[in-house]
Amino acid sequence: MFDLAIDHYDRNGVEVVELSGDIDVHTGDDLRSLLTELDAAGVTRIVVDLCMVQYVDSTGLGILLAALKRAHARGGFVCLVVARPNLARMLEITGLAAVFGVSGSVSEALAARPREVPVG
């Protein structure tokens, strides 16, 4: 089990959340808290950088899906940046790659600007 390090910053109106370590039942609370705080602050455009994440369990997926649901409800998006083949494969197998916008780098994700979901 690894700890989860979290950093975040605004890049041209998109909140970039950089993660390093594992996202699991033991480490997910801090990520859940941050994403909930961002939602409460009105942030609806989020890129989550998973390039330095070793492992994501079902708790971690649930946290990311909840953030996506909140962002979509307000017309926004959550895009995942994935560089590790094991995480990319997990997202493909579970069908979540089609649900989240998935990019290979933060720059690519910011350039792609996933479509925002119309509200209403």
PDB file of N, CA and C in Angstrom:
ATOM      1  N   MET A   1       0.846  -1.179   0.000  1.00  0.00           N
ATOM      2  CA  MET A   1       0.000   0.000   0.000  1.00  0.00           C
ATOM      3  C   MET A   1       0.891   1.242   0.000  1.00  0.00           C
ATOM      4  N   PHE A   2       0.559   2.172  -0.878  1.00  0.00           N
ATOM      5  CA  PHE A   2       1.267   3.439  -0.970  1.00  0.00           C
ATOM      6  C   PHE A   2       0.345   4.550  -0.514  1.00  0.00           C
ATOM      7  N   ASP A   3       0.926   5.633  -0.046  1.00  0.00           N
ATOM      8  CA  ASP A   3       0.145   6.816   0.277  1.00  0.00           C
ATOM      9  C   ASP A   3      -0.298   7.480  -1.014  1.00  0.00           C
ATOM     10  N   LEU A   4      -1.184   8.433  -0.891  1.00  0.00           N
ATOM     11  CA  LEU A   4      -1.649   9.202  -2.037  1.00  0.00           C
ATOM     12  C   LEU A   4      -1.257  10.655  -1.829  1.00  0.00           C
ATOM     13  N   ALA A   5      -0.444  11.188  -2.737  1.00  0.00           N
ATOM     14  CA  ALA A   5      -0.081  12.604  -2.712  1.00  0.00           C
ATOM     15  C   ALA A   5      -0.990  13.331  -3.693  1.00  0.00           C
ATOM     16  N   ILE A   6      -1.488  14.493  -3.274  1.00  0.00           N
ATOM     17  CA  ILE A   6      -2.429  15.257  -4.087  1.00  0.00           C
ATOM     18  C   ILE A   6      -1.944  16.699  -4.206  1.00  0.00           C
ATOM     19  N   ASP A   7      -1.942  17.202  -5.440  1.00  0.00           N
ATOM     20  CA  ASP A   7      -1.672  18.609  -5.688  1.00  0.00           C
ATOM     21  C   ASP A   7      -2.707  19.063  -6.709  1.00  0.00           C
ATOM     22  N   HIS A   8      -3.058  20.342  -6.687  1.00  0.00           N
ATOM     23  CA  HIS A   8      -4.004  20.838  -7.687  1.00  0.00           C
ATOM     24  C   HIS A   8      -3.771  22.302  -7.957  1.00  0.00           C
ATOM     25  N   TYR A   9      -4.129  22.703  -9.174  1.00  0.00           N
ATOM     26  CA  TYR A   9      -3.930  24.086  -9.604  1.00  0.00           C
ATOM     27  C   TYR A   9      -4.878  24.386 -10.758  1.00  0.00           C
ATOM     28  N   ASP A  10      -5.127  25.664 -10.962  1.00  0.00           N
ATOM     29  CA  ASP A  10      -5.972  26.106 -12.070  1.00  0.00           C
ATOM     30  C   ASP A  10      -5.104  26.355 -13.294  1.00  0.00           C
ATOM     31  N   ARG A  11      -5.537  25.838 -14.433  1.00  0.00           N
ATOM     32  CA  ARG A  11      -4.862  26.099 -15.697  1.00  0.00           C
ATOM     33  C   ARG A  11      -5.898  26.581 -16.695  1.00  0.00           C
ATOM     34  N   ASN A  12      -5.975  27.887 -16.883  1.00  0.00           N
ATOM     35  CA  ASN A  12      -6.907  28.491 -17.845  1.00  0.00           C
ATOM     36  C   ASN A  12      -8.359  28.062 -17.619  1.00  0.00           C
ATOM     37  N   GLY A  13      -8.791  28.087 -16.366  1.00  0.00           N
ATOM     38  CA  GLY A  13     -10.174  27.773 -16.056  1.00  0.00           C
ATOM     39  C   GLY A  13     -10.484  26.301 -15.892  1.00  0.00           C
ATOM     40  N   VAL A  14      -9.467  25.458 -15.950  1.00  0.00           N
ATOM     41  CA  VAL A  14      -9.630  24.020 -15.723  1.00  0.00           C
ATOM     42  C   VAL A  14      -8.787  23.656 -14.508  1.00  0.00           C
ATOM     43  N   GLU A  15      -9.389  22.990 -13.544  1.00  0.00           N
ATOM     44  CA  GLU A  15      -8.656  22.559 -12.357  1.00  0.00           C
ATOM     45  C   GLU A  15      -7.923  21.261 -12.679  1.00  0.00           C
ATOM     46  N   VAL A  16      -6.610  21.274 -12.517  1.00  0.00           N
ATOM     47  CA  VAL A  16      -5.792  20.081 -12.742  1.00  0.00           C
ATOM     48  C   VAL A  16      -5.467  19.491 -11.380  1.00  0.00           C
ATOM     49  N   VAL A  17      -5.823  18.229 -11.193  1.00  0.00           N
ATOM     50  CA  VAL A  17      -5.565  17.518  -9.943  1.00  0.00           C
ATOM     51  C   VAL A  17      -4.514  16.457 -10.238  1.00  0.00           C
ATOM     52  N   GLU A  18      -3.327  16.627  -9.665  1.00  0.00           N
ATOM     53  CA  GLU A  18      -2.227  15.684  -9.866  1.00  0.00           C
ATOM     54  C   GLU A  18      -2.171  14.725  -8.690  1.00  0.00           C
ATOM     55  N   LEU A  19      -2.130  13.440  -9.005  1.00  0.00           N
ATOM     56  CA  LEU A  19      -2.119  12.404  -7.973  1.00  0.00           C
ATOM     57  C   LEU A  19      -0.891  11.523  -8.128  1.00  0.00           C
ATOM     58  N   SER A  20      -0.396  11.015  -7.006  1.00  0.00           N
ATOM     59  CA  SER A  20       0.741  10.112  -7.017  1.00  0.00           C
ATOM     60  C   SER A  20       0.556   9.098  -5.896  1.00  0.00           C
ATOM     61  N   GLY A  21       0.670   7.808  -6.234  1.00  0.00           N
ATOM     62  CA  GLY A  21       0.502   6.750  -5.245  1.00  0.00           C
ATOM     63  C   GLY A  21      -0.644   5.841  -5.611  1.00  0.00           C
ATOM     64  N   ASP A  22      -1.401   5.410  -4.610  1.00  0.00           N
ATOM     65  CA  ASP A  22      -2.548   4.518  -4.801  1.00  0.00           C
ATOM     66  C   ASP A  22      -3.838   5.242  -4.441  1.00  0.00           C
ATOM     67  N   ILE A  23      -4.895   4.946  -5.188  1.00  0.00           N
ATOM     68  CA  ILE A  23      -6.227   5.441  -4.830  1.00  0.00           C
ATOM     69  C   ILE A  23      -7.034   4.213  -4.437  1.00  0.00           C
ATOM     70  N   ASP A  24      -7.246   4.058  -3.147  1.00  0.00           N
ATOM     71  CA  ASP A  24      -7.958   2.878  -2.660  1.00  0.00           C
ATOM     72  C   ASP A  24      -8.745   3.213  -1.399  1.00  0.00           C
ATOM     73  N   VAL A  25      -9.295   2.205  -0.787  1.00  0.00           N
ATOM     74  CA  VAL A  25     -10.129   2.393   0.390  1.00  0.00           C
ATOM     75  C   VAL A  25      -9.364   3.074   1.528  1.00  0.00           C
ATOM     76  N   HIS A  26      -8.053   2.920   1.563  1.00  0.00           N
ATOM     77  CA  HIS A  26      -7.247   3.504   2.632  1.00  0.00           C
ATOM     78  C   HIS A  26      -6.825   4.942   2.358  1.00  0.00           C
ATOM     79  N   THR A  27      -6.779   5.341   1.100  1.00  0.00           N
ATOM     80  CA  THR A  27      -6.257   6.659   0.743  1.00  0.00           C
ATOM     81  C   THR A  27      -7.283   7.574   0.085  1.00  0.00           C
ATOM     82  N   GLY A  28      -8.459   7.063  -0.209  1.00  0.00           N
ATOM     83  CA  GLY A  28      -9.426   7.804  -1.010  1.00  0.00           C
ATOM     84  C   GLY A  28     -10.095   8.992  -0.345  1.00  0.00           C
ATOM     85  N   ASP A  29     -10.125   9.030   0.973  1.00  0.00           N
ATOM     86  CA  ASP A  29     -10.860  10.104   1.655  1.00  0.00           C
ATOM     87  C   ASP A  29     -10.351  11.498   1.309  1.00  0.00           C
ATOM     88  N   ASP A  30      -9.035  11.655   1.214  1.00  0.00           N
ATOM     89  CA  ASP A  30      -8.489  12.979   0.887  1.00  0.00           C
ATOM     90  C   ASP A  30      -8.883  13.409  -0.525  1.00  0.00           C
ATOM     91  N   LEU A  31      -8.850  12.475  -1.471  1.00  0.00           N
ATOM     92  CA  LEU A  31      -9.261  12.792  -2.836  1.00  0.00           C
ATOM     93  C   LEU A  31     -10.749  13.117  -2.879  1.00  0.00           C
ATOM     94  N   ARG A  32     -11.552  12.319  -2.193  1.00  0.00           N
ATOM     95  CA  ARG A  32     -12.997  12.581  -2.138  1.00  0.00           C
ATOM     96  C   ARG A  32     -13.262  13.975  -1.571  1.00  0.00           C
ATOM     97  N   SER A  33     -12.571  14.315  -0.493  1.00  0.00           N
ATOM     98  CA  SER A  33     -12.746  15.633   0.133  1.00  0.00           C
ATOM     99  C   SER A  33     -12.378  16.759  -0.824  1.00  0.00           C
ATOM    100  N   LEU A  34     -11.248  16.623  -1.509  1.00  0.00           N
ATOM    101  CA  LEU A  34     -10.829  17.668  -2.441  1.00  0.00           C
ATOM    102  C   LEU A  34     -11.845  17.837  -3.563  1.00  0.00           C
ATOM    103  N   LEU A  35     -12.269  16.744  -4.171  1.00  0.00           N
ATOM    104  CA  LEU A  35     -13.209  16.839  -5.289  1.00  0.00           C
ATOM    105  C   LEU A  35     -14.557  17.391  -4.838  1.00  0.00           C
ATOM    106  N   THR A  36     -14.972  17.073  -3.629  1.00  0.00           N
ATOM    107  CA  THR A  36     -16.212  17.620  -3.082  1.00  0.00           C
ATOM    108  C   THR A  36     -16.065  19.119  -2.820  1.00  0.00           C
ATOM    109  N   GLU A  37     -14.908  19.525  -2.288  1.00  0.00           N
ATOM    110  CA  GLU A  37     -14.644  20.953  -2.060  1.00  0.00           C
ATOM    111  C   GLU A  37     -14.623  21.730  -3.373  1.00  0.00           C
ATOM    112  N   LEU A  38     -14.014  21.158  -4.404  1.00  0.00           N
ATOM    113  CA  LEU A  38     -13.991  21.822  -5.708  1.00  0.00           C
ATOM    114  C   LEU A  38     -15.408  22.002  -6.236  1.00  0.00           C
ATOM    115  N   ASP A  39     -16.235  20.987  -6.085  1.00  0.00           N
ATOM    116  CA  ASP A  39     -17.629  21.085  -6.521  1.00  0.00           C
ATOM    117  C   ASP A  39     -18.357  22.180  -5.744  1.00  0.00           C
ATOM    118  N   ALA A  40     -18.161  22.216  -4.439  1.00  0.00           N
ATOM    119  CA  ALA A  40     -18.811  23.235  -3.606  1.00  0.00           C
ATOM    120  C   ALA A  40     -18.368  24.642  -3.993  1.00  0.00           C
ATOM    121  N   ALA A  41     -17.136  24.756  -4.522  1.00  0.00           N
ATOM    122  CA  ALA A  41     -16.614  26.047  -4.954  1.00  0.00           C
ATOM    123  C   ALA A  41     -17.046  26.399  -6.380  1.00  0.00           C
ATOM    124  N   GLY A  42     -17.827  25.508  -7.003  1.00  0.00           N
ATOM    125  CA  GLY A  42     -18.323  25.779  -8.346  1.00  0.00           C
ATOM    126  C   GLY A  42     -17.409  25.328  -9.467  1.00  0.00           C
ATOM    127  N   VAL A  43     -16.374  24.559  -9.154  1.00  0.00           N
ATOM    128  CA  VAL A  43     -15.460  24.056 -10.181  1.00  0.00           C
ATOM    129  C   VAL A  43     -16.118  22.865 -10.874  1.00  0.00           C
ATOM    130  N   THR A  44     -16.293  22.956 -12.184  1.00  0.00           N
ATOM    131  CA  THR A  44     -16.952  21.878 -12.926  1.00  0.00           C
ATOM    132  C   THR A  44     -16.111  21.355 -14.081  1.00  0.00           C
ATOM    133  N   ARG A  45     -14.931  21.927 -14.273  1.00  0.00           N
ATOM    134  CA  ARG A  45     -14.042  21.493 -15.359  1.00  0.00           C
ATOM    135  C   ARG A  45     -12.741  21.014 -14.723  1.00  0.00           C
ATOM    136  N   ILE A  46     -12.557  19.675 -14.740  1.00  0.00           N
ATOM    137  CA  ILE A  46     -11.472  19.060 -13.973  1.00  0.00           C
ATOM    138  C   ILE A  46     -10.699  18.070 -14.839  1.00  0.00           C
ATOM    139  N   VAL A  47      -9.384  18.142 -14.762  1.00  0.00           N
ATOM    140  CA  VAL A  47      -8.495  17.141 -15.350  1.00  0.00           C
ATOM    141  C   VAL A  47      -7.796  16.452 -14.188  1.00  0.00           C
ATOM    142  N   VAL A  48      -7.921  15.129 -14.099  1.00  0.00           N
ATOM    143  CA  VAL A  48      -7.276  14.356 -13.037  1.00  0.00           C
ATOM    144  C   VAL A  48      -6.093  13.614 -13.656  1.00  0.00           C
ATOM    145  N   ASP A  49      -4.893  13.974 -13.222  1.00  0.00           N
ATOM    146  CA  ASP A  49      -3.659  13.386 -13.744  1.00  0.00           C
ATOM    147  C   ASP A  49      -3.319  12.137 -12.932  1.00  0.00           C
ATOM    148  N   LEU A  50      -3.463  10.975 -13.573  1.00  0.00           N
ATOM    149  CA  LEU A  50      -3.191   9.690 -12.933  1.00  0.00           C
ATOM    150  C   LEU A  50      -1.848   9.104 -13.356  1.00  0.00           C
ATOM    151  N   CYS A  51      -1.001   9.898 -14.007  1.00  0.00           N
ATOM    152  CA  CYS A  51       0.260   9.372 -14.545  1.00  0.00           C
ATOM    153  C   CYS A  51       1.168   8.761 -13.487  1.00  0.00           C
ATOM    154  N   MET A  52       1.108   9.261 -12.267  1.00  0.00           N
ATOM    155  CA  MET A  52       1.963   8.742 -11.201  1.00  0.00           C
ATOM    156  C   MET A  52       1.193   7.840 -10.225  1.00  0.00           C
ATOM    157  N   VAL A  53       0.003   7.440 -10.623  1.00  0.00           N
ATOM    158  CA  VAL A  53      -0.811   6.545  -9.791  1.00  0.00           C
ATOM    159  C   VAL A  53      -0.465   5.106 -10.142  1.00  0.00           C
ATOM    160  N   GLN A  54      -0.197   4.325  -9.106  1.00  0.00           N
ATOM    161  CA  GLN A  54       0.176   2.921  -9.292  1.00  0.00           C
ATOM    162  C   GLN A  54      -1.043   2.008  -9.392  1.00  0.00           C
ATOM    163  N   TYR A  55      -2.088   2.348  -8.628  1.00  0.00           N
ATOM    164  CA  TYR A  55      -3.210   1.411  -8.460  1.00  0.00           C
ATOM    165  C   TYR A  55      -4.476   2.192  -8.138  1.00  0.00           C
ATOM    166  N   VAL A  56      -5.596   1.761  -8.715  1.00  0.00           N
ATOM    167  CA  VAL A  56      -6.911   2.327  -8.399  1.00  0.00           C
ATOM    168  C   VAL A  56      -7.859   1.167  -8.136  1.00  0.00           C
ATOM    169  N   ASP A  57      -8.489   1.141  -6.953  1.00  0.00           N
ATOM    170  CA  ASP A  57      -9.462   0.088  -6.668  1.00  0.00           C
ATOM    171  C   ASP A  57     -10.877   0.624  -6.909  1.00  0.00           C
ATOM    172  N   SER A  58     -11.873  -0.172  -6.578  1.00  0.00           N
ATOM    173  CA  SER A  58     -13.266   0.225  -6.828  1.00  0.00           C
ATOM    174  C   SER A  58     -13.650   1.472  -6.041  1.00  0.00           C
ATOM    175  N   THR A  59     -13.060   1.670  -4.878  1.00  0.00           N
ATOM    176  CA  THR A  59     -13.316   2.893  -4.107  1.00  0.00           C
ATOM    177  C   THR A  59     -12.833   4.106  -4.889  1.00  0.00           C
ATOM    178  N   GLY A  60     -11.636   4.012  -5.435  1.00  0.00           N
ATOM    179  CA  GLY A  60     -11.087   5.103  -6.227  1.00  0.00           C
ATOM    180  C   GLY A  60     -11.926   5.393  -7.458  1.00  0.00           C
ATOM    181  N   LEU A  61     -12.366   4.336  -8.133  1.00  0.00           N
ATOM    182  CA  LEU A  61     -13.229   4.535  -9.304  1.00  0.00           C
ATOM    183  C   LEU A  61     -14.531   5.212  -8.901  1.00  0.00           C
ATOM    184  N   GLY A  62     -15.086   4.809  -7.766  1.00  0.00           N
ATOM    185  CA  GLY A  62     -16.324   5.417  -7.284  1.00  0.00           C
ATOM    186  C   GLY A  62     -16.158   6.899  -6.984  1.00  0.00           C
ATOM    187  N   ILE A  63     -15.020   7.270  -6.416  1.00  0.00           N
ATOM    188  CA  ILE A  63     -14.740   8.676  -6.116  1.00  0.00           C
ATOM    189  C   ILE A  63     -14.680   9.482  -7.411  1.00  0.00           C
ATOM    190  N   LEU A  64     -13.986   8.960  -8.411  1.00  0.00           N
ATOM    191  CA  LEU A  64     -13.869   9.648  -9.694  1.00  0.00           C
ATOM    192  C   LEU A  64     -15.218   9.731 -10.404  1.00  0.00           C
ATOM    193  N   LEU A  65     -15.995   8.655 -10.355  1.00  0.00           N
ATOM    194  CA  LEU A  65     -17.328   8.665 -10.977  1.00  0.00           C
ATOM    195  C   LEU A  65     -18.263   9.655 -10.294  1.00  0.00           C
ATOM    196  N   ALA A  66     -18.186   9.760  -8.977  1.00  0.00           N
ATOM    197  CA  ALA A  66     -19.027  10.723  -8.262  1.00  0.00           C
ATOM    198  C   ALA A  66     -18.684  12.148  -8.680  1.00  0.00           C
ATOM    199  N   ALA A  67     -17.380  12.431  -8.841  1.00  0.00           N
ATOM    200  CA  ALA A  67     -16.961  13.764  -9.290  1.00  0.00           C
ATOM    201  C   ALA A  67     -17.465  14.030 -10.703  1.00  0.00           C
ATOM    202  N   LEU A  68     -17.392  13.019 -11.561  1.00  0.00           N
ATOM    203  CA  LEU A  68     -17.895  13.157 -12.932  1.00  0.00           C
ATOM    204  C   LEU A  68     -19.394  13.437 -12.934  1.00  0.00           C
ATOM    205  N   LYS A  69     -20.137  12.714 -12.121  1.00  0.00           N
ATOM    206  CA  LYS A  69     -21.586  12.911 -12.046  1.00  0.00           C
ATOM    207  C   LYS A  69     -21.919  14.330 -11.593  1.00  0.00           C
ATOM    208  N   ARG A  70     -21.216  14.822 -10.577  1.00  0.00           N
ATOM    209  CA  ARG A  70     -21.451  16.190 -10.101  1.00  0.00           C
ATOM    210  C   ARG A  70     -21.100  17.209 -11.171  1.00  0.00           C
ATOM    211  N   ALA A  71     -19.980  17.010 -11.855  1.00  0.00           N
ATOM    212  CA  ALA A  71     -19.574  17.947 -12.912  1.00  0.00           C
ATOM    213  C   ALA A  71     -20.577  17.933 -14.060  1.00  0.00           C
ATOM    214  N   HIS A  72     -20.992  16.757 -14.495  1.00  0.00           N
ATOM    215  CA  HIS A  72     -21.978  16.657 -15.583  1.00  0.00           C
ATOM    216  C   HIS A  72     -23.298  17.314 -15.214  1.00  0.00           C
ATOM    217  N   ALA A  73     -23.704  17.181 -13.965  1.00  0.00           N
ATOM    218  CA  ALA A  73     -24.972  17.775 -13.522  1.00  0.00           C
ATOM    219  C   ALA A  73     -24.944  19.290 -13.643  1.00  0.00           C
ATOM    220  N   ARG A  74     -23.745  19.862 -13.665  1.00  0.00           N
ATOM    221  CA  ARG A  74     -23.605  21.322 -13.756  1.00  0.00           C
ATOM    222  C   ARG A  74     -22.992  21.746 -15.091  1.00  0.00           C
ATOM    223  N   GLY A  75     -23.006  20.824 -16.075  1.00  0.00           N
ATOM    224  CA  GLY A  75     -22.535  21.154 -17.414  1.00  0.00           C
ATOM    225  C   GLY A  75     -21.042  21.033 -17.627  1.00  0.00           C
ATOM    226  N   GLY A  76     -20.323  20.449 -16.687  1.00  0.00           N
ATOM    227  CA  GLY A  76     -18.875  20.364 -16.789  1.00  0.00           C
ATOM    228  C   GLY A  76     -18.373  18.999 -17.211  1.00  0.00           C
ATOM    229  N   PHE A  77     -17.104  18.728 -16.888  1.00  0.00           N
ATOM    230  CA  PHE A  77     -16.475  17.464 -17.267  1.00  0.00           C
ATOM    231  C   PHE A  77     -15.381  17.092 -16.284  1.00  0.00           C
ATOM    232  N   VAL A  78     -15.042  15.817 -16.302  1.00  0.00           N
ATOM    233  CA  VAL A  78     -13.847  15.314 -15.637  1.00  0.00           C
ATOM    234  C   VAL A  78     -13.110  14.483 -16.677  1.00  0.00           C
ATOM    235  N   CYS A  79     -11.871  14.844 -16.947  1.00  0.00           N
ATOM    236  CA  CYS A  79     -11.028  14.124 -17.895  1.00  0.00           C
ATOM    237  C   CYS A  79      -9.908  13.459 -17.118  1.00  0.00           C
ATOM    238  N   LEU A  80      -9.571  12.230 -17.485  1.00  0.00           N
ATOM    239  CA  LEU A  80      -8.484  11.516 -16.824  1.00  0.00           C
ATOM    240  C   LEU A  80      -7.259  11.491 -17.721  1.00  0.00           C
ATOM    241  N   VAL A  81      -6.091  11.701 -17.128  1.00  0.00           N
ATOM    242  CA  VAL A  81      -4.829  11.570 -17.838  1.00  0.00           C
ATOM    243  C   VAL A  81      -4.194  10.267 -17.372  1.00  0.00           C
ATOM    244  N   VAL A  82      -3.978   9.367 -18.311  1.00  0.00           N
ATOM    245  CA  VAL A  82      -3.503   8.026 -17.980  1.00  0.00           C
ATOM    246  C   VAL A  82      -2.293   7.689 -18.846  1.00  0.00           C
ATOM    247  N   ALA A  83      -1.186   7.330 -18.207  1.00  0.00           N
ATOM    248  CA  ALA A  83       0.017   6.951 -18.940  1.00  0.00           C
ATOM    249  C   ALA A  83       0.374   5.480 -18.729  1.00  0.00           C
ATOM    250  N   ARG A  84      -0.069   4.900 -17.639  1.00  0.00           N
ATOM    251  CA  ARG A  84       0.286   3.514 -17.325  1.00  0.00           C
ATOM    252  C   ARG A  84      -0.646   2.544 -18.059  1.00  0.00           C
ATOM    253  N   PRO A  85      -0.072   1.582 -18.761  1.00  0.00           N
ATOM    254  CA  PRO A  85      -0.896   0.634 -19.521  1.00  0.00           C
ATOM    255  C   PRO A  85      -1.903  -0.135 -18.662  1.00  0.00           C
ATOM    256  N   ASN A  86      -1.520  -0.482 -17.425  1.00  0.00           N
ATOM    257  CA  ASN A  86      -2.445  -1.239 -16.583  1.00  0.00           C
ATOM    258  C   ASN A  86      -3.699  -0.420 -16.243  1.00  0.00           C
ATOM    259  N   LEU A  87      -3.540   0.887 -16.001  1.00  0.00           N
ATOM    260  CA  LEU A  87      -4.709   1.719 -15.707  1.00  0.00           C
ATOM    261  C   LEU A  87      -5.539   1.958 -16.965  1.00  0.00           C
ATOM    262  N   ALA A  88      -4.865   2.173 -18.089  1.00  0.00           N
ATOM    263  CA  ALA A  88      -5.587   2.362 -19.348  1.00  0.00           C
ATOM    264  C   ALA A  88      -6.409   1.114 -19.676  1.00  0.00           C
ATOM    265  N   ARG A  89      -5.824  -0.046 -19.471  1.00  0.00           N
ATOM    266  CA  ARG A  89      -6.533  -1.311 -19.740  1.00  0.00           C
ATOM    267  C   ARG A  89      -7.735  -1.469 -18.805  1.00  0.00           C
ATOM    268  N   MET A  90      -7.556  -1.157 -17.527  1.00  0.00           N
ATOM    269  CA  MET A  90      -8.654  -1.258 -16.569  1.00  0.00           C
ATOM    270  C   MET A  90      -9.814  -0.350 -16.982  1.00  0.00           C
ATOM    271  N   LEU A  91      -9.504   0.863 -17.439  1.00  0.00           N
ATOM    272  CA  LEU A  91     -10.557   1.788 -17.869  1.00  0.00           C
ATOM    273  C   LEU A  91     -11.256   1.270 -19.128  1.00  0.00           C
ATOM    274  N   GLU A  92     -10.505   0.653 -20.018  1.00  0.00           N
ATOM    275  CA  GLU A  92     -11.104   0.075 -21.225  1.00  0.00           C
ATOM    276  C   GLU A  92     -12.002  -1.117 -20.875  1.00  0.00           C
ATOM    277  N   ILE A  93     -11.504  -2.022 -20.055  1.00  0.00           N
ATOM    278  CA  ILE A  93     -12.252  -3.236 -19.690  1.00  0.00           C
ATOM    279  C   ILE A  93     -13.557  -2.885 -18.979  1.00  0.00           C
ATOM    280  N   THR A  94     -13.516  -1.879 -18.108  1.00  0.00           N
ATOM    281  CA  THR A  94     -14.709  -1.503 -17.349  1.00  0.00           C
ATOM    282  C   THR A  94     -15.659  -0.597 -18.134  1.00  0.00           C
ATOM    283  N   GLY A  95     -15.210  -0.135 -19.308  1.00  0.00           N
ATOM    284  CA  GLY A  95     -16.033   0.773 -20.106  1.00  0.00           C
ATOM    285  C   GLY A  95     -15.938   2.218 -19.668  1.00  0.00           C
ATOM    286  N   LEU A  96     -15.107   2.494 -18.668  1.00  0.00           N
ATOM    287  CA  LEU A  96     -15.011   3.852 -18.140  1.00  0.00           C
ATOM    288  C   LEU A  96     -14.211   4.792 -19.042  1.00  0.00           C
ATOM    289  N   ALA A  97     -13.399   4.236 -19.927  1.00  0.00           N
ATOM    290  CA  ALA A  97     -12.665   5.089 -20.866  1.00  0.00           C
ATOM    291  C   ALA A  97     -13.642   5.855 -21.754  1.00  0.00           C
ATOM    292  N   ALA A  98     -14.777   5.239 -22.048  1.00  0.00           N
ATOM    293  CA  ALA A  98     -15.798   5.902 -22.870  1.00  0.00           C
ATOM    294  C   ALA A  98     -16.614   6.910 -22.065  1.00  0.00           C
ATOM    295  N   VAL A  99     -16.642   6.757 -20.756  1.00  0.00           N
ATOM    296  CA  VAL A  99     -17.420   7.642 -19.892  1.00  0.00           C
ATOM    297  C   VAL A  99     -16.623   8.909 -19.567  1.00  0.00           C
ATOM    298  N   PHE A 100     -15.365   8.732 -19.224  1.00  0.00           N
ATOM    299  CA  PHE A 100     -14.467   9.863 -18.952  1.00  0.00           C
ATOM    300  C   PHE A 100     -13.784  10.227 -20.261  1.00  0.00           C
ATOM    301  N   GLY A 101     -13.398  11.465 -20.416  1.00  0.00           N
ATOM    302  CA  GLY A 101     -12.436  11.785 -21.460  1.00  0.00           C
ATOM    303  C   GLY A 101     -11.084  11.290 -20.974  1.00  0.00           C
ATOM    304  N   VAL A 102     -10.352  10.527 -21.787  1.00  0.00           N
ATOM    305  CA  VAL A 102      -9.053   9.997 -21.380  1.00  0.00           C
ATOM    306  C   VAL A 102      -7.993  10.515 -22.340  1.00  0.00           C
ATOM    307  N   SER A 103      -6.916  11.068 -21.767  1.00  0.00           N
ATOM    308  CA  SER A 103      -5.801  11.604 -22.549  1.00  0.00           C
ATOM    309  C   SER A 103      -4.501  11.022 -22.033  1.00  0.00           C
ATOM    310  N   GLY A 104      -3.433  11.181 -22.831  1.00  0.00           N
ATOM    311  CA  GLY A 104      -2.126  10.669 -22.455  1.00  0.00           C
ATOM    312  C   GLY A 104      -1.260  11.654 -21.702  1.00  0.00           C
ATOM    313  N   SER A 105      -1.653  12.942 -21.685  1.00  0.00           N
ATOM    314  CA  SER A 105      -0.889  13.957 -20.960  1.00  0.00           C
ATOM    315  C   SER A 105      -1.825  15.089 -20.563  1.00  0.00           C
ATOM    316  N   VAL A 106      -1.404  15.871 -19.595  1.00  0.00           N
ATOM    317  CA  VAL A 106      -2.204  17.024 -19.169  1.00  0.00           C
ATOM    318  C   VAL A 106      -2.343  18.003 -20.324  1.00  0.00           C
ATOM    319  N   SER A 107      -1.260  18.245 -21.044  1.00  0.00           N
ATOM    320  CA  SER A 107      -1.315  19.167 -22.183  1.00  0.00           C
ATOM    321  C   SER A 107      -2.330  18.706 -23.219  1.00  0.00           C
ATOM    322  N   GLU A 108      -2.336  17.419 -23.500  1.00  0.00           N
ATOM    323  CA  GLU A 108      -3.294  16.855 -24.451  1.00  0.00           C
ATOM    324  C   GLU A 108      -4.724  17.019 -23.945  1.00  0.00           C
ATOM    325  N   ALA A 109      -4.927  16.771 -22.677  1.00  0.00           N
ATOM    326  CA  ALA A 109      -6.268  16.902 -22.091  1.00  0.00           C
ATOM    327  C   ALA A 109      -6.747  18.349 -22.151  1.00  0.00           C
ATOM    328  N   LEU A 110      -5.859  19.290 -21.849  1.00  0.00           N
ATOM    329  CA  LEU A 110      -6.242  20.694 -21.872  1.00  0.00           C
ATOM    330  C   LEU A 110      -6.509  21.171 -23.298  1.00  0.00           C
ATOM    331  N   ALA A 111      -5.751  20.661 -24.257  1.00  0.00           N
ATOM    332  CA  ALA A 111      -5.953  21.035 -25.661  1.00  0.00           C
ATOM    333  C   ALA A 111      -7.248  20.452 -26.203  1.00  0.00           C
ATOM    334  N   ALA A 112      -7.591  19.243 -25.747  1.00  0.00           N
ATOM    335  CA  ALA A 112      -8.796  18.575 -26.243  1.00  0.00           C
ATOM    336  C   ALA A 112     -10.056  19.229 -25.711  1.00  0.00           C
ATOM    337  N   ARG A 113      -9.978  19.768 -24.496  1.00  0.00           N
ATOM    338  CA  ARG A 113     -11.147  20.384 -23.868  1.00  0.00           C
ATOM    339  C   ARG A 113     -12.390  19.530 -24.100  1.00  0.00           C
ATOM    340  N   PRO A 114     -12.547  18.470 -23.341  1.00  0.00           N
ATOM    341  CA  PRO A 114     -13.709  17.601 -23.537  1.00  0.00           C
ATOM    342  C   PRO A 114     -14.994  18.416 -23.589  1.00  0.00           C
ATOM    343  N   ARG A 115     -15.920  17.951 -24.380  1.00  0.00           N
ATOM    344  CA  ARG A 115     -17.176  18.701 -24.521  1.00  0.00           C
ATOM    345  C   ARG A 115     -17.857  18.779 -23.171  1.00  0.00           C
ATOM    346  N   GLU A 116     -18.388  19.923 -22.914  1.00  0.00           N
ATOM    347  CA  GLU A 116     -19.152  20.097 -21.683  1.00  0.00           C
ATOM    348  C   GLU A 116     -20.558  19.588 -21.926  1.00  0.00           C
ATOM    349  N   VAL A 117     -21.176  19.114 -20.895  1.00  0.00           N
ATOM    350  CA  VAL A 117     -22.505  18.533 -20.989  1.00  0.00           C
ATOM    351  C   VAL A 117     -23.548  19.642 -20.844  1.00  0.00           C
ATOM    352  N   PRO A 118     -24.455  19.764 -21.819  1.00  0.00           N
ATOM    353  CA  PRO A 118     -25.499  20.783 -21.668  1.00  0.00           C
ATOM    354  C   PRO A 118     -26.372  20.503 -20.446  1.00  0.00           C
ATOM    355  N   VAL A 119     -26.678  21.536 -19.712  1.00  0.00           N
ATOM    356  CA  VAL A 119     -27.549  21.385 -18.547  1.00  0.00           C
ATOM    357  C   VAL A 119     -28.979  21.626 -18.980  1.00  0.00           C
ATOM    358  N   GLY A 120     -29.881  20.761 -18.520  1.00  0.00           N
ATOM    359  CA  GLY A 120     -31.291  20.980 -18.800  1.00  0.00           C
ATOM    360  C   GLY A 120     -31.828  20.069 -19.752  1.00  0.00           C
TER     361      GLY A 120
END
